[in-house]
Amino acid sequence: MIVQKYKDMLQGKSVIRQLSEFAAARGQEIGYENVFDFSLGNPSVPVPQEFTDVMIRMLQEKNPMELHGYSQSLGIPSVRDKVAASLNRRFGMNYTGNHIFMTTGAAGAIAHAVRCVAEPGDEVLTFAPYFPEYAPYINLTGAVLKVVPADTENFQINFEAFEEMLTEKVAAVLINTPNNPSGMAYSTETVKELARIMEEKQKQYGHDIFLISDEPYREIVFAGVDAPYPSAFYDNSLSCYSFSKSLSLPGERIGYVAVNPKCTDAEIISVMCSQISRGTGHNCPPSIIQLAVAEVLDLTSDLTVYETNMNILYRELTDLGFECVRPGGTFYMFPKSPEPDAAAFAEKAKKYDLILVPSDSFGVKGYFRIAYCIDTEKVERSLEAFRKLMKENY
């Protein structure tokens, strides 16, 4: 007999994926260059040339078994050492290679981190708006995801609701900064207050409460924006990272868990992750990709286009009357829908070949997400479609 819960999940297909598929089908009709597809967060800038050069050099010079053979279950030791050293240089931490576990992207990192610190039945809190896949990431471990209502004034943290929901049942708090979908980065003030409350509750309840920080957009931060490294402010923290956005490598599925050296059982959590892999089927990412990213850890793709696109869209949409908190990073913005039903608004937008994601699946009603990781030329051409949409409907 097949498992019913996974069969039931077929009825809850991702809205983002559905819209992306619609955009692709519409593109076959009118040419994809004429579809303003803001649905999917797929990086639009090329990988750094240095990464390509490293791959070519390794393929030409290194032993094929080193490049294509199995690595150790925790990841290649030299790679883990280099990741730790890079984090220490950049954020003033004290990681060693023993605190790093290599994963298949940030999703793989979260899958391991949650299983390390939350038992079935435990609660994990996250903050709206949030990435919809957090629900299966958490709930399929046996833990229970609970969503703290959004602070829609600035998309920082609704601390009043957070303190109320941070009960003795909570084993972990999952944050995403800079945030998908709002584009906001939690400020130093926000992170410090989050840490203060969690430390207070740990003492009150007499058990650890871990902070799991999902950071795939860590490097996409706009000029003058305060975007601290959360693990520097809270000891019981696990940093989950992906190179998908910083190096434009989403298809390579490469990331890591970085275990704060000050957290409970810091010296064994990475080893625990290797045991978790035995049950999830994850047995470390490809050796060649681990070795390649280790050579370009302090580099990124040219990410400036995202801020350029944000400025163009933010200026035009606010001029058209949209309410929007100015993004601090990522390649997303989260304007308020001009009508309460964001899904109805997004349906109207499709008639103008604007593919926008309504906010309901992100845990907030009445907003929509724009993923502006597309060519700037296409962003500029989309403005007339937005003008027509608003003029003819609102």
Foldseek 3Di string as FASTA:
>chain_A
DDDVVVVVCVVVDDPLVVLVVVLVVVCVVVNSLQFAAQRDQAFQFAFDVLLVVLLVVCVVDPDVCLQFPADAQQAHQVLLQLLQVVCCVVAVADFGSLQKGKAQALLRALLLVLLLFAAQAAEEEEEFLADLCVQCSNVVRNYHYDYQYAPVVARAHPVVSVLVPPDLRAREYEYEAVGPAALAAHAPVSLLVVQVSQVVVCVVNVHHYAYEYRYAFVPFFDPPHHHHDSCVRHQRYKYRYGLCHFRVPNVQRITIIGHRPRHPPSSCSSVSSSVVCVVVVTRHGGSNVSVSCSVVVPHGGPNVVLVVLLVVVVVLVVVLPWAWNRRRGDNKHKTFAPDQAQVVLQVLLVVLSHHWAARVSSVDTGIIMGRRSHDSVSSVVCSVSVVCSSVVPD
